[in-house]
Protein backbone atom coordinates (compact mmCIF):
# COMPACT_ATOMS: atom_id res chain seq x y z
CA UNK A 1 -59.35 1.24 -1.72
CA UNK A 2 -59.06 5.01 -0.51
CA UNK A 3 -56.55 4.16 3.02
CA UNK A 4 -54.30 2.15 0.24
CA UNK A 5 -53.94 4.48 -2.36
CA UNK A 6 -52.70 6.62 0.26
CA UNK A 7 -50.59 4.24 1.38
CA UNK A 8 -49.32 3.52 -1.50
CA UNK A 9 -48.73 6.52 -2.89
CA UNK A 10 -46.73 7.43 1.12
CA UNK A 11 -44.70 4.74 -0.47
CA UNK A 12 -43.65 5.73 -4.40
CA UNK A 13 -42.58 8.77 -2.84
CA UNK A 14 -39.70 7.84 0.40
CA UNK A 15 -38.89 5.51 -3.09
CA UNK A 16 -38.43 8.62 -4.92
CA UNK A 17 -37.03 10.61 -2.08
CA UNK A 18 -34.41 7.11 -1.03
CA UNK A 19 -33.75 6.76 -4.78
CA UNK A 20 -32.43 10.50 -5.01
CA UNK A 21 -30.23 10.02 -0.90
CA UNK A 22 -28.78 6.95 -2.54
CA UNK A 23 -28.13 9.28 -6.07
CA UNK A 24 -26.27 11.54 -4.19
CA UNK A 25 -24.27 8.82 -2.16
CA UNK A 26 -22.86 7.46 -4.68
CA UNK A 27 -21.83 10.47 -6.55
CA UNK A 28 -19.58 11.58 -3.42
CA UNK A 29 -19.12 8.08 -3.12
CA UNK A 30 -17.35 7.23 -6.55
CA UNK A 31 -15.49 10.90 -6.04
CA UNK A 32 -13.61 10.00 -3.23
CA UNK A 33 -12.56 6.85 -5.31
CA UNK A 34 -11.70 9.09 -7.78
CA UNK A 35 -9.17 11.28 -5.12
CA UNK A 36 -7.78 8.62 -3.90
CA UNK A 37 -7.03 6.43 -6.86
CA UNK A 38 -5.41 9.83 -8.06
CA UNK A 39 -3.39 10.98 -4.50
CA UNK A 40 -2.45 7.20 -5.58
CA UNK A 41 -1.20 7.60 -9.00
CA UNK A 42 1.14 10.60 -7.91
CA UNK A 43 2.21 8.70 -4.95
CA UNK A 44 3.87 5.45 -6.79
CA UNK A 45 5.45 8.08 -10.09
CA UNK A 46 7.01 10.39 -7.24
CA UNK A 47 10.71 9.44 -6.88
CA UNK A 48 10.17 9.60 -2.86
CA UNK A 49 8.69 6.26 -2.10
CA UNK A 50 9.55 4.88 0.10
CA UNK A 51 8.38 1.67 -0.78
CA UNK A 52 8.24 1.73 -4.35
CA UNK A 53 11.62 -0.78 -6.15
CA UNK A 54 15.05 0.85 -6.22
CA UNK A 55 17.17 -0.72 -8.56
CA UNK A 56 21.36 -0.19 -8.62
CA UNK A 57 22.77 -0.17 -12.26
CA UNK A 58 23.77 -3.63 -12.02
CA UNK A 59 20.88 -4.89 -9.96
CA UNK A 60 17.40 -6.66 -10.08
CA UNK A 61 14.58 -3.80 -8.61
CA UNK A 62 13.60 -4.81 -5.01
CA UNK A 63 9.99 -5.34 -4.92
CA UNK A 64 7.29 -3.69 -3.34
CA UNK A 65 5.24 -5.27 -0.11
CA UNK A 66 2.43 -6.85 -1.20
CA UNK A 67 -0.38 -4.52 -1.52
CA UNK A 68 -4.07 -4.07 0.49
CA UNK A 69 -7.82 -4.92 0.21
CA UNK A 70 -8.55 -1.49 -1.65
CA UNK A 71 -4.99 -0.43 -2.50
CA UNK A 72 -4.57 1.45 -5.38
CA UNK A 73 -2.72 -0.67 -8.54
CA UNK A 74 0.16 1.39 -8.30
CA UNK A 75 1.11 0.89 -12.24
CA UNK A 76 3.14 -1.90 -13.79
CA UNK A 77 6.60 -1.80 -13.76
CA UNK A 78 10.16 -3.38 -13.86
CA UNK A 79 10.77 -5.38 -11.26
CA UNK A 80 6.23 -5.76 -9.83
CA UNK A 81 4.69 -8.53 -9.60
CA UNK A 82 1.66 -9.44 -8.55
CA UNK A 83 2.57 -9.49 -4.74
CA UNK A 84 2.13 -5.74 -4.64
CA UNK A 85 -1.58 -5.44 -5.77
CA UNK A 86 -4.33 -6.03 -3.99
CA UNK A 87 -5.27 -9.71 -3.32
CA UNK A 88 -9.27 -9.30 -5.54
CA UNK A 89 -6.13 -7.50 -8.95
CA UNK A 90 -3.77 -9.77 -7.85
CA UNK A 91 -6.16 -13.03 -7.85
CA UNK A 92 -7.29 -11.87 -11.95
CA UNK A 93 -4.09 -11.18 -13.47
CA UNK A 94 -2.83 -14.38 -11.21
CA UNK A 95 -6.20 -16.28 -13.62
CA UNK A 96 -4.74 -14.76 -16.49
CA UNK A 97 -1.03 -15.34 -16.36
CA UNK A 98 -2.14 -19.50 -15.73
CA UNK A 99 -4.30 -19.40 -19.07
CA UNK A 100 -0.93 -20.10 -20.91
CA UNK A 101 -1.19 -16.16 -22.64
CA UNK A 102 -5.05 -17.51 -23.96
CA UNK A 103 -7.28 -14.28 -22.66
CA UNK A 104 -10.37 -14.51 -21.29
CA UNK A 105 -13.63 -12.28 -21.35
CA UNK A 106 -14.60 -11.82 -18.46
CA UNK A 107 -17.94 -13.56 -17.45
CA UNK A 108 -15.08 -16.88 -17.67
CA UNK A 109 -12.62 -14.26 -15.32
CA UNK A 110 -15.58 -14.35 -12.76
CA UNK A 111 -16.41 -18.27 -13.36
CA UNK A 112 -12.11 -18.26 -12.53
CA UNK A 113 -13.33 -16.48 -9.30
CA UNK A 114 -15.53 -18.56 -7.90
CA UNK A 115 -18.29 -15.65 -8.25
CA UNK A 116 -21.85 -16.33 -10.11
CA UNK A 117 -21.83 -14.89 -12.94
CA UNK A 118 -23.98 -12.32 -13.45
CA UNK A 119 -24.21 -9.29 -14.59
CA UNK A 120 -23.25 -6.96 -11.51
CA UNK A 121 -20.28 -9.43 -10.87
CA UNK A 122 -19.48 -9.47 -13.98
CA UNK A 123 -19.74 -5.61 -14.28
CA UNK A 124 -17.15 -6.11 -11.00
CA UNK A 125 -14.55 -8.07 -12.88
CA UNK A 126 -14.60 -6.15 -15.97
CA UNK A 127 -13.96 -2.47 -13.75
CA UNK A 128 -10.77 -4.45 -12.53
CA UNK A 129 -9.26 -5.98 -15.32
CA UNK A 130 -9.77 -2.78 -17.42
CA UNK A 131 -8.27 -1.18 -14.39
CA UNK A 132 -5.43 -3.33 -14.72
CA UNK A 133 -5.02 -2.56 -18.56
CA UNK A 134 -5.04 0.83 -18.34
CA UNK A 135 -2.75 0.10 -15.74
CA UNK A 136 0.16 -1.83 -17.79
CA UNK A 137 -0.42 -5.25 -16.09
CA UNK A 138 -3.38 -7.07 -18.37
CA UNK A 139 -3.66 -5.70 -22.59
CA UNK A 140 -7.06 -6.60 -23.74
CA UNK A 141 -6.28 -7.60 -27.36
CA UNK A 142 -10.20 -7.67 -28.17
CA UNK A 143 -13.44 -6.35 -26.84
CA UNK A 144 -13.29 -7.87 -23.84
CA UNK A 145 -10.69 -10.26 -23.91
CA UNK A 146 -7.99 -9.94 -21.61
CA UNK A 147 -4.69 -12.02 -21.37
CA UNK A 148 -1.26 -11.44 -19.10
CA UNK A 149 0.74 -8.90 -21.07
CA UNK A 150 4.03 -11.13 -22.45
CA UNK A 151 6.86 -10.83 -20.15
CA UNK A 152 5.00 -9.51 -17.18
CA UNK A 153 3.37 -13.02 -15.68
CA UNK A 154 4.98 -12.84 -13.17
CA UNK A 155 3.74 -15.70 -9.80
CA UNK A 156 3.44 -14.29 -6.01
């Protein structure tokens, strides 16, 4: 029994060390995500951005190239179509656009995306939906109920 208790104590100590390392790694990762999003937002707002839409006084804006997985969600502007979004975000906008203005909660969105509606998956969808709301692509009509903003439901 003493040998088992020693091994249990050693395993518990190893778990605690790994938990601390995991928290540190997650904090570092989150700083990089925040930095990347901030830089992307600054670049998107910059007037000298090459792939930003360019509009003459009598022309419609030219849409930017499609978003790549992991790219920053640009703030919505006139002329932007969902095609500028990364695939995960584009799918969310497309699903909500297909609901004819009807709002959906994150669990419904997770199911529509083909995800198992477990808390981790639903929270991932919520995070993406909140980011789309913050960037002007979606509206949050009531807490947790998302829909496409009027005039922004374009096909991709």
